[in-house]
N, C-alpha and C. Protein backbone atom coordinates (compact mmCIF):
# COMPACT_ATOMS: atom_id res chain seq x y z
N UNK A 1 0.82 -1.18 0.00
CA UNK A 1 0.00 0.00 0.00
C UNK A 1 0.87 1.26 0.00
N UNK A 2 2.06 1.21 0.61
CA UNK A 2 2.95 2.36 0.58
C UNK A 2 3.25 2.73 -0.86
N UNK A 3 3.45 1.76 -1.72
CA UNK A 3 3.74 2.06 -3.12
C UNK A 3 2.57 2.76 -3.79
N UNK A 4 1.34 2.39 -3.44
CA UNK A 4 0.19 3.10 -3.99
C UNK A 4 0.22 4.56 -3.58
N UNK A 5 0.62 4.81 -2.35
CA UNK A 5 0.66 6.19 -1.87
C UNK A 5 1.74 7.00 -2.58
N UNK A 6 2.80 6.34 -3.00
CA UNK A 6 3.90 7.03 -3.66
C UNK A 6 3.81 6.97 -5.17
N UNK A 7 2.82 6.27 -5.71
CA UNK A 7 2.79 5.91 -7.12
C UNK A 7 3.10 7.01 -8.11
N UNK A 8 2.50 8.17 -8.09
CA UNK A 8 2.83 9.12 -9.13
C UNK A 8 3.92 10.11 -8.74
N UNK A 9 4.72 9.81 -7.77
CA UNK A 9 5.74 10.74 -7.32
C UNK A 9 6.92 10.70 -8.28
N UNK A 10 6.66 10.97 -9.55
CA UNK A 10 7.70 10.80 -10.54
C UNK A 10 8.07 12.05 -11.33
N UNK A 11 7.21 13.05 -11.37
CA UNK A 11 7.56 14.21 -12.19
C UNK A 11 6.78 15.45 -11.79
N UNK A 12 7.19 16.57 -12.37
CA UNK A 12 6.58 17.84 -12.04
C UNK A 12 5.45 18.22 -12.98
N UNK A 13 5.58 17.92 -14.26
CA UNK A 13 4.67 18.48 -15.25
C UNK A 13 3.46 17.60 -15.51
N UNK A 14 2.29 18.22 -15.60
CA UNK A 14 1.06 17.54 -16.03
C UNK A 14 0.01 18.61 -16.27
N UNK A 15 -1.22 18.21 -16.50
CA UNK A 15 -2.29 19.15 -16.72
C UNK A 15 -2.83 19.74 -15.43
N UNK A 16 -2.30 19.36 -14.31
CA UNK A 16 -2.79 19.83 -13.01
C UNK A 16 -2.16 21.19 -12.71
N UNK A 17 -2.87 22.00 -11.93
CA UNK A 17 -2.40 23.31 -11.47
C UNK A 17 -0.92 23.23 -11.10
N UNK A 18 -0.16 24.29 -11.38
CA UNK A 18 1.27 24.31 -11.13
C UNK A 18 1.60 23.98 -9.67
N UNK A 19 0.78 24.36 -8.74
CA UNK A 19 0.98 24.00 -7.34
C UNK A 19 -0.37 23.65 -6.72
N UNK A 20 -0.87 22.44 -6.99
CA UNK A 20 -2.19 22.08 -6.50
C UNK A 20 -2.27 22.00 -4.98
N UNK A 21 -1.13 21.90 -4.31
CA UNK A 21 -1.11 21.79 -2.85
C UNK A 21 -0.84 23.12 -2.16
N UNK A 22 -0.94 24.24 -2.90
CA UNK A 22 -0.58 25.55 -2.33
C UNK A 22 -1.40 25.92 -1.10
N UNK A 23 -2.63 25.40 -0.98
CA UNK A 23 -3.47 25.71 0.17
C UNK A 23 -3.31 24.72 1.32
N UNK A 24 -2.45 23.75 1.15
CA UNK A 24 -2.21 22.74 2.19
C UNK A 24 -1.09 23.22 3.10
N UNK A 25 -1.26 23.14 4.42
CA UNK A 25 -0.17 23.57 5.30
C UNK A 25 1.07 22.70 5.10
N UNK A 26 2.22 23.30 5.28
CA UNK A 26 3.49 22.61 5.09
C UNK A 26 4.03 22.19 6.46
N UNK A 27 4.54 20.97 6.52
CA UNK A 27 5.13 20.50 7.78
C UNK A 27 6.42 21.26 8.08
N UNK A 28 6.71 21.36 9.35
CA UNK A 28 7.96 21.95 9.81
C UNK A 28 9.12 21.16 9.22
N UNK A 29 10.18 21.84 8.73
CA UNK A 29 11.34 21.11 8.20
C UNK A 29 11.98 20.25 9.29
N UNK A 30 12.50 19.12 8.88
CA UNK A 30 13.19 18.23 9.80
C UNK A 30 12.75 16.80 9.60
N UNK A 31 12.95 15.99 10.63
CA UNK A 31 12.67 14.56 10.57
C UNK A 31 11.31 14.27 11.19
N UNK A 32 10.46 13.64 10.41
CA UNK A 32 9.12 13.27 10.85
C UNK A 32 8.99 11.76 10.89
N UNK A 33 8.34 11.28 11.92
CA UNK A 33 7.98 9.86 12.02
C UNK A 33 6.49 9.77 11.66
N UNK A 34 6.19 9.02 10.61
CA UNK A 34 4.81 8.89 10.15
C UNK A 34 4.41 7.43 10.27
N UNK A 35 3.33 7.17 11.00
CA UNK A 35 2.85 5.81 11.21
C UNK A 35 1.50 5.63 10.54
N UNK A 36 1.42 4.62 9.69
CA UNK A 36 0.16 4.21 9.07
C UNK A 36 -0.35 3.03 9.87
N UNK A 37 -1.59 3.08 10.31
CA UNK A 37 -2.16 2.01 11.11
C UNK A 37 -2.42 0.77 10.26
N UNK A 38 -2.51 -0.38 10.92
CA UNK A 38 -2.84 -1.63 10.22
C UNK A 38 -4.19 -1.46 9.52
N UNK A 39 -4.29 -2.05 8.34
CA UNK A 39 -5.53 -1.93 7.58
C UNK A 39 -5.63 -3.08 6.59
N UNK A 40 -6.83 -3.29 6.11
CA UNK A 40 -7.08 -4.32 5.11
C UNK A 40 -7.82 -3.70 3.94
N UNK A 41 -7.61 -4.25 2.73
CA UNK A 41 -8.41 -3.77 1.60
C UNK A 41 -9.89 -3.99 1.90
N UNK A 42 -10.73 -3.11 1.37
CA UNK A 42 -12.16 -3.31 1.56
C UNK A 42 -12.61 -4.50 0.73
N UNK A 43 -13.70 -5.10 1.11
CA UNK A 43 -14.18 -6.29 0.41
C UNK A 43 -13.67 -7.55 1.08
N UNK A 44 -14.17 -8.65 0.64
CA UNK A 44 -13.83 -9.93 1.26
C UNK A 44 -12.45 -10.41 0.80
N UNK A 45 -11.76 -11.09 1.69
CA UNK A 45 -10.52 -11.77 1.34
C UNK A 45 -9.28 -10.92 1.29
N UNK A 46 -9.34 -9.68 1.71
CA UNK A 46 -8.16 -8.83 1.66
C UNK A 46 -7.18 -9.16 2.77
N UNK A 47 -5.89 -9.13 2.44
CA UNK A 47 -4.84 -9.36 3.44
C UNK A 47 -4.64 -8.12 4.29
N UNK A 48 -4.57 -8.31 5.58
CA UNK A 48 -4.34 -7.19 6.48
C UNK A 48 -2.90 -6.71 6.30
N UNK A 49 -2.76 -5.42 6.08
CA UNK A 49 -1.44 -4.81 6.00
C UNK A 49 -1.05 -4.37 7.41
N UNK A 50 0.13 -4.75 7.87
CA UNK A 50 0.51 -4.36 9.24
C UNK A 50 0.76 -2.86 9.33
N UNK A 51 0.71 -2.35 10.54
CA UNK A 51 1.08 -0.95 10.77
C UNK A 51 2.51 -0.76 10.32
N UNK A 52 2.82 0.41 9.83
CA UNK A 52 4.20 0.68 9.42
C UNK A 52 4.57 2.11 9.74
N UNK A 53 5.85 2.29 10.00
CA UNK A 53 6.37 3.60 10.33
C UNK A 53 7.47 3.96 9.33
N UNK A 54 7.39 5.19 8.83
CA UNK A 54 8.36 5.72 7.88
C UNK A 54 8.98 6.96 8.51
N UNK A 55 10.29 7.10 8.39
CA UNK A 55 10.97 8.32 8.81
C UNK A 55 11.18 9.17 7.57
N UNK A 56 10.77 10.44 7.63
CA UNK A 56 10.83 11.29 6.45
C UNK A 56 11.52 12.60 6.79
N UNK A 57 12.65 12.85 6.13
CA UNK A 57 13.37 14.11 6.24
C UNK A 57 12.78 15.05 5.20
N UNK A 58 12.33 16.22 5.64
CA UNK A 58 11.64 17.10 4.70
C UNK A 58 12.02 18.56 4.89
N UNK A 59 11.72 19.33 3.87
CA UNK A 59 11.81 20.78 3.92
C UNK A 59 10.69 21.34 3.05
N UNK A 60 10.60 22.66 2.91
CA UNK A 60 9.49 23.26 2.18
C UNK A 60 9.42 22.77 0.73
N UNK A 61 10.56 22.61 0.07
CA UNK A 61 10.56 22.15 -1.32
C UNK A 61 10.07 20.70 -1.42
N UNK A 62 10.56 19.84 -0.56
CA UNK A 62 10.14 18.44 -0.59
C UNK A 62 8.65 18.32 -0.32
N UNK A 63 8.12 19.16 0.56
CA UNK A 63 6.70 19.13 0.88
C UNK A 63 5.85 19.48 -0.34
N UNK A 64 6.34 20.34 -1.20
CA UNK A 64 5.58 20.73 -2.39
C UNK A 64 5.66 19.66 -3.47
N UNK A 65 6.70 18.86 -3.48
CA UNK A 65 6.83 17.79 -4.48
C UNK A 65 5.99 16.59 -4.08
N UNK A 66 6.15 16.11 -2.86
CA UNK A 66 5.41 14.96 -2.36
C UNK A 66 4.92 15.30 -0.95
N UNK A 67 3.79 16.00 -0.85
CA UNK A 67 3.31 16.46 0.46
C UNK A 67 3.03 15.31 1.43
N UNK A 68 3.51 15.46 2.63
CA UNK A 68 3.27 14.51 3.72
C UNK A 68 3.76 13.11 3.39
N UNK A 69 4.45 12.93 2.31
CA UNK A 69 4.89 11.69 1.69
C UNK A 69 3.72 10.81 1.29
N UNK A 70 2.52 11.09 1.73
CA UNK A 70 1.35 10.28 1.40
C UNK A 70 0.68 10.69 0.10
N UNK A 71 0.75 11.96 -0.24
CA UNK A 71 0.01 12.45 -1.40
C UNK A 71 0.84 12.35 -2.67
N UNK A 72 0.20 12.11 -3.78
CA UNK A 72 0.95 11.98 -5.03
C UNK A 72 1.47 13.32 -5.53
N UNK A 73 2.55 13.24 -6.28
CA UNK A 73 3.04 14.42 -7.00
C UNK A 73 2.08 14.69 -8.15
N UNK A 74 2.34 15.71 -8.93
CA UNK A 74 1.42 16.11 -9.99
C UNK A 74 1.36 15.13 -11.15
N UNK A 75 2.46 14.46 -11.45
CA UNK A 75 2.54 13.59 -12.63
C UNK A 75 1.43 12.55 -12.62
N UNK A 76 0.77 12.44 -13.73
CA UNK A 76 -0.27 11.43 -13.88
C UNK A 76 -1.59 11.78 -13.23
N UNK A 77 -1.69 12.96 -12.65
CA UNK A 77 -2.94 13.35 -11.98
C UNK A 77 -3.79 14.22 -12.89
N UNK A 78 -5.05 13.87 -12.97
CA UNK A 78 -6.01 14.65 -13.73
C UNK A 78 -6.62 15.75 -12.87
N UNK A 79 -6.69 15.48 -11.56
CA UNK A 79 -7.33 16.44 -10.65
C UNK A 79 -6.74 16.28 -9.25
N UNK A 80 -6.43 17.40 -8.63
CA UNK A 80 -6.02 17.45 -7.23
C UNK A 80 -6.77 18.62 -6.61
N UNK A 81 -7.55 18.34 -5.56
CA UNK A 81 -8.29 19.40 -4.89
C UNK A 81 -7.91 19.44 -3.42
N UNK A 82 -7.77 20.64 -2.89
CA UNK A 82 -7.48 20.84 -1.47
C UNK A 82 -8.49 21.85 -0.96
N UNK A 83 -9.17 21.50 0.13
CA UNK A 83 -10.13 22.44 0.71
C UNK A 83 -9.99 22.43 2.23
N UNK A 84 -10.18 23.60 2.79
CA UNK A 84 -10.14 23.73 4.25
C UNK A 84 -11.46 23.20 4.80
N UNK A 85 -11.37 22.42 5.86
CA UNK A 85 -12.55 21.86 6.50
C UNK A 85 -12.68 22.46 7.89
N UNK A 86 -13.40 23.55 7.98
CA UNK A 86 -13.53 24.27 9.24
C UNK A 86 -14.19 23.41 10.32
N UNK A 87 -15.13 22.57 9.94
CA UNK A 87 -15.84 21.74 10.91
C UNK A 87 -14.89 20.78 11.63
N UNK A 88 -13.90 20.27 10.93
CA UNK A 88 -12.95 19.33 11.54
C UNK A 88 -11.63 20.00 11.89
N UNK A 89 -11.49 21.27 11.56
CA UNK A 89 -10.26 21.97 11.90
C UNK A 89 -9.07 21.47 11.11
N UNK A 90 -9.27 21.18 9.85
CA UNK A 90 -8.17 20.67 9.05
C UNK A 90 -8.42 20.88 7.57
N UNK A 91 -7.94 19.95 6.78
CA UNK A 91 -8.05 20.03 5.32
C UNK A 91 -8.51 18.69 4.76
N UNK A 92 -9.18 18.76 3.61
CA UNK A 92 -9.56 17.58 2.85
C UNK A 92 -8.84 17.66 1.51
N UNK A 93 -8.31 16.53 1.07
CA UNK A 93 -7.60 16.47 -0.20
C UNK A 93 -8.19 15.33 -1.01
N UNK A 94 -8.38 15.58 -2.29
CA UNK A 94 -8.83 14.54 -3.20
C UNK A 94 -7.94 14.52 -4.42
N UNK A 95 -7.56 13.34 -4.89
CA UNK A 95 -6.76 13.23 -6.10
C UNK A 95 -7.38 12.19 -7.02
N UNK A 96 -7.25 12.43 -8.30
CA UNK A 96 -7.61 11.46 -9.33
C UNK A 96 -6.37 11.36 -10.22
N UNK A 97 -5.70 10.21 -10.14
CA UNK A 97 -4.44 10.03 -10.85
C UNK A 97 -4.45 8.72 -11.63
N UNK A 98 -3.42 8.50 -12.41
CA UNK A 98 -3.25 7.24 -13.15
C UNK A 98 -1.89 6.67 -12.81
N UNK A 99 -1.89 5.35 -12.61
CA UNK A 99 -0.65 4.62 -12.38
C UNK A 99 -0.72 3.34 -13.21
N UNK A 100 0.27 3.16 -14.06
CA UNK A 100 0.31 1.97 -14.93
C UNK A 100 -1.00 1.84 -15.71
N UNK A 101 -1.53 2.98 -16.17
CA UNK A 101 -2.73 2.99 -16.98
C UNK A 101 -4.04 2.83 -16.23
N UNK A 102 -3.99 2.69 -14.91
CA UNK A 102 -5.20 2.50 -14.13
C UNK A 102 -5.49 3.75 -13.30
N UNK A 103 -6.77 4.06 -13.20
CA UNK A 103 -7.20 5.19 -12.39
C UNK A 103 -7.06 4.84 -10.91
N UNK A 104 -6.55 5.80 -10.13
CA UNK A 104 -6.41 5.66 -8.69
C UNK A 104 -6.93 6.93 -8.05
N UNK A 105 -7.98 6.80 -7.23
CA UNK A 105 -8.56 7.94 -6.52
C UNK A 105 -8.11 7.88 -5.06
N UNK A 106 -7.76 9.01 -4.50
CA UNK A 106 -7.36 9.06 -3.10
C UNK A 106 -8.08 10.20 -2.42
N UNK A 107 -8.55 9.96 -1.22
CA UNK A 107 -9.17 10.98 -0.39
C UNK A 107 -8.42 10.99 0.94
N UNK A 108 -8.08 12.19 1.42
CA UNK A 108 -7.31 12.30 2.64
C UNK A 108 -7.91 13.42 3.49
N UNK A 109 -8.02 13.16 4.78
CA UNK A 109 -8.38 14.21 5.73
C UNK A 109 -7.17 14.46 6.61
N UNK A 110 -6.97 15.70 6.98
CA UNK A 110 -5.76 16.08 7.71
C UNK A 110 -6.13 17.08 8.79
N UNK A 111 -5.54 16.92 9.96
CA UNK A 111 -5.71 17.90 11.03
C UNK A 111 -4.42 17.91 11.87
N UNK A 112 -4.20 18.99 12.55
CA UNK A 112 -3.00 19.12 13.39
C UNK A 112 -2.26 20.40 13.08
N UNK A 113 -1.24 20.68 13.87
CA UNK A 113 -0.53 21.95 13.74
C UNK A 113 0.60 21.91 12.70
N UNK A 114 0.99 20.76 12.23
CA UNK A 114 2.03 20.57 11.23
C UNK A 114 3.41 21.04 11.71
N UNK A 115 3.50 21.44 12.96
CA UNK A 115 4.77 21.86 13.55
C UNK A 115 5.31 20.78 14.49
N UNK A 116 4.41 20.09 15.17
CA UNK A 116 4.83 19.03 16.08
C UNK A 116 4.08 17.73 15.82
N UNK A 117 2.82 17.82 15.40
CA UNK A 117 1.98 16.64 15.18
C UNK A 117 0.91 16.91 14.13
N UNK A 118 0.48 15.83 13.52
CA UNK A 118 -0.70 15.87 12.66
C UNK A 118 -1.26 14.46 12.59
N UNK A 119 -2.50 14.35 12.14
CA UNK A 119 -3.12 13.04 11.99
C UNK A 119 -4.22 13.14 10.95
N UNK A 120 -4.76 12.00 10.60
CA UNK A 120 -5.85 11.98 9.64
C UNK A 120 -6.13 10.57 9.16
N UNK A 121 -6.83 10.50 8.05
CA UNK A 121 -7.11 9.22 7.41
C UNK A 121 -6.97 9.41 5.91
N UNK A 122 -6.68 8.31 5.22
CA UNK A 122 -6.73 8.33 3.76
C UNK A 122 -7.45 7.09 3.28
N UNK A 123 -7.94 7.18 2.06
CA UNK A 123 -8.64 6.07 1.43
C UNK A 123 -8.25 6.04 -0.04
N UNK A 124 -7.87 4.87 -0.52
CA UNK A 124 -7.50 4.69 -1.92
C UNK A 124 -8.54 3.80 -2.58
N UNK A 125 -8.98 4.23 -3.77
CA UNK A 125 -9.93 3.44 -4.54
C UNK A 125 -9.41 3.31 -5.97
N UNK A 126 -9.42 2.09 -6.46
CA UNK A 126 -9.07 1.82 -7.84
C UNK A 126 -10.29 1.21 -8.52
N UNK A 127 -11.06 2.03 -9.23
CA UNK A 127 -12.22 1.47 -9.92
C UNK A 127 -11.79 0.31 -10.82
N UNK A 128 -12.54 -0.76 -10.75
CA UNK A 128 -12.21 -1.93 -11.56
C UNK A 128 -11.24 -2.88 -10.88
N UNK A 129 -10.78 -2.55 -9.69
CA UNK A 129 -9.86 -3.42 -8.96
C UNK A 129 -10.20 -3.39 -7.48
N UNK A 130 -11.36 -3.95 -7.10
CA UNK A 130 -11.82 -3.84 -5.71
C UNK A 130 -10.86 -4.44 -4.69
N UNK A 131 -9.99 -5.35 -5.08
CA UNK A 131 -9.09 -5.95 -4.10
C UNK A 131 -8.00 -4.99 -3.65
N UNK A 132 -7.78 -3.89 -4.37
CA UNK A 132 -6.76 -2.92 -3.98
C UNK A 132 -7.33 -1.68 -3.31
N UNK A 133 -8.64 -1.63 -3.11
CA UNK A 133 -9.24 -0.50 -2.43
C UNK A 133 -8.98 -0.60 -0.93
N UNK A 134 -8.95 0.53 -0.26
CA UNK A 134 -8.77 0.51 1.19
C UNK A 134 -9.96 1.18 1.85
N UNK A 135 -10.22 0.79 3.07
CA UNK A 135 -11.12 1.57 3.90
C UNK A 135 -10.30 2.75 4.41
N UNK A 136 -10.87 3.55 5.29
CA UNK A 136 -10.14 4.70 5.81
C UNK A 136 -8.97 4.22 6.67
N UNK A 137 -7.76 4.61 6.28
CA UNK A 137 -6.55 4.20 6.99
C UNK A 137 -6.07 5.37 7.84
N UNK A 138 -6.06 5.21 9.16
CA UNK A 138 -5.56 6.28 10.03
C UNK A 138 -4.03 6.40 9.94
N UNK A 139 -3.55 7.63 10.03
CA UNK A 139 -2.12 7.88 10.07
C UNK A 139 -1.84 8.99 11.07
N UNK A 140 -0.60 9.04 11.51
CA UNK A 140 -0.19 10.06 12.47
C UNK A 140 1.26 10.40 12.21
N UNK A 141 1.57 11.69 12.27
CA UNK A 141 2.95 12.15 12.12
C UNK A 141 3.38 12.94 13.33
N UNK A 142 4.64 12.76 13.69
CA UNK A 142 5.18 13.58 14.79
C UNK A 142 6.60 13.99 14.45
N UNK A 143 6.91 15.23 14.78
CA UNK A 143 8.21 15.81 14.49
C UNK A 143 9.22 15.30 15.50
N UNK A 144 10.36 14.79 15.01
CA UNK A 144 11.39 14.26 15.89
C UNK A 144 12.55 15.22 16.12
N UNK A 145 12.72 16.20 15.24
CA UNK A 145 13.84 17.14 15.35
C UNK A 145 14.52 17.30 14.00
N UNK A 146 15.78 17.64 14.03
CA UNK A 146 16.55 17.80 12.80
C UNK A 146 16.72 16.46 12.10
N UNK A 147 16.90 16.54 10.78
CA UNK A 147 17.20 15.32 10.03
C UNK A 147 18.54 14.78 10.51
N UNK A 148 18.71 13.48 10.37
CA UNK A 148 19.95 12.84 10.80
C UNK A 148 21.10 13.23 9.88
N UNK A 149 22.30 13.15 10.39
CA UNK A 149 23.49 13.47 9.58
C UNK A 149 23.47 12.62 8.31
N UNK A 150 23.72 13.28 7.19
CA UNK A 150 23.76 12.59 5.91
C UNK A 150 22.41 12.50 5.20
N UNK A 151 21.32 12.82 5.89
CA UNK A 151 20.02 12.80 5.23
C UNK A 151 19.80 14.08 4.44
N UNK A 152 19.09 13.92 3.32
CA UNK A 152 18.73 15.06 2.49
C UNK A 152 17.22 15.21 2.48
N UNK A 153 16.75 16.41 2.19
CA UNK A 153 15.31 16.63 2.10
C UNK A 153 14.71 15.68 1.09
N UNK A 154 13.65 15.01 1.50
CA UNK A 154 12.99 14.02 0.66
C UNK A 154 13.32 12.60 1.05
N UNK A 155 14.45 12.37 1.72
CA UNK A 155 14.82 11.01 2.11
C UNK A 155 13.75 10.40 3.01
N UNK A 156 13.36 9.19 2.65
CA UNK A 156 12.40 8.42 3.45
C UNK A 156 13.04 7.09 3.79
N UNK A 157 13.08 6.78 5.07
CA UNK A 157 13.57 5.48 5.51
C UNK A 157 12.34 4.59 5.69
N UNK A 158 12.22 3.58 4.82
CA UNK A 158 11.08 2.68 4.83
C UNK A 158 11.20 1.67 5.96
N UNK A 159 10.12 0.97 6.29
CA UNK A 159 10.17 0.01 7.40
C UNK A 159 11.23 -1.08 7.23
N UNK A 160 11.62 -1.39 6.00
CA UNK A 160 12.65 -2.41 5.78
C UNK A 160 14.06 -1.84 5.84
N UNK A 161 14.19 -0.55 6.16
CA UNK A 161 15.50 0.07 6.31
C UNK A 161 16.04 0.71 5.03
N UNK A 162 15.39 0.51 3.91
CA UNK A 162 15.83 1.09 2.64
C UNK A 162 15.44 2.57 2.62
N UNK A 163 16.35 3.40 2.12
CA UNK A 163 16.09 4.83 1.97
C UNK A 163 15.77 5.12 0.51
N UNK A 164 14.67 5.82 0.28
CA UNK A 164 14.29 6.27 -1.06
C UNK A 164 14.09 7.78 -1.00
N UNK A 165 14.16 8.42 -2.16
CA UNK A 165 13.95 9.85 -2.20
C UNK A 165 13.05 10.20 -3.39
N UNK A 166 11.72 10.28 -3.16
CA UNK A 166 10.81 10.60 -4.25
C UNK A 166 11.03 11.98 -4.85
N UNK A 167 11.64 12.91 -4.11
CA UNK A 167 11.94 14.23 -4.66
C UNK A 167 12.99 14.09 -5.75
N UNK A 168 14.03 13.31 -5.50
CA UNK A 168 15.04 13.05 -6.54
C UNK A 168 14.41 12.37 -7.74
N UNK A 169 13.53 11.39 -7.48
CA UNK A 169 12.85 10.69 -8.58
C UNK A 169 12.05 11.67 -9.43
N UNK A 170 11.35 12.60 -8.78
CA UNK A 170 10.55 13.59 -9.52
C UNK A 170 11.44 14.48 -10.37
N UNK A 171 12.57 14.90 -9.83
CA UNK A 171 13.48 15.75 -10.60
C UNK A 171 14.06 15.00 -11.79
N UNK A 172 14.47 13.76 -11.58
CA UNK A 172 15.02 12.97 -12.70
C UNK A 172 13.98 12.78 -13.79
N UNK A 173 12.77 12.45 -13.38
CA UNK A 173 11.70 12.19 -14.36
C UNK A 173 11.34 13.43 -15.16
N UNK A 174 11.49 14.60 -14.55
CA UNK A 174 11.11 15.82 -15.25
C UNK A 174 12.28 16.43 -16.02
N UNK A 175 13.46 15.80 -15.93
CA UNK A 175 14.60 16.32 -16.66
C UNK A 175 15.31 17.45 -15.98
N UNK A 176 15.01 17.70 -14.69
CA UNK A 176 15.65 18.77 -13.95
C UNK A 176 16.76 18.28 -13.04
N UNK A 177 17.23 17.06 -13.25
CA UNK A 177 18.30 16.54 -12.39
C UNK A 177 19.59 17.29 -12.69
N UNK A 178 20.40 17.48 -11.67
CA UNK A 178 21.68 18.17 -11.85
C UNK A 178 22.81 17.21 -11.62
């Protein structure tokens, strides 16, 4: 499921607004611990995905490329909407994107100060593939402090210990790598 969350984090250019996340609050720069709770795909027979924790080193630029590490970058997205939800004291985000030729819809609710903590839920739906849909998956982020020595903005340490950097991937895919 982590890969679904990262799926379109590959490039900058598409038909979507130049900065579709401009109304979304940006997390404080530094190292964030983000935990996704255990969840199962909706429908019968889905395998339960265990809870997982990702460490994410971020800054303002990384947040605009792959916000909260959960939301897709612009590439492959037909629509990204962000709206303030005064009733819940947070924001609602909706995306309609394509990955490997298949439509992937994501809905996310977010609340918190983005300086020390935040939380919310997300839901992924793939029309035509009910086994990959999720119910609402709770997540929580907490700021740990400065990024560790040697970490760069965008670095994510996955639960298996592998470090990936979707910001670098987005730059390479868009031809802006240096």
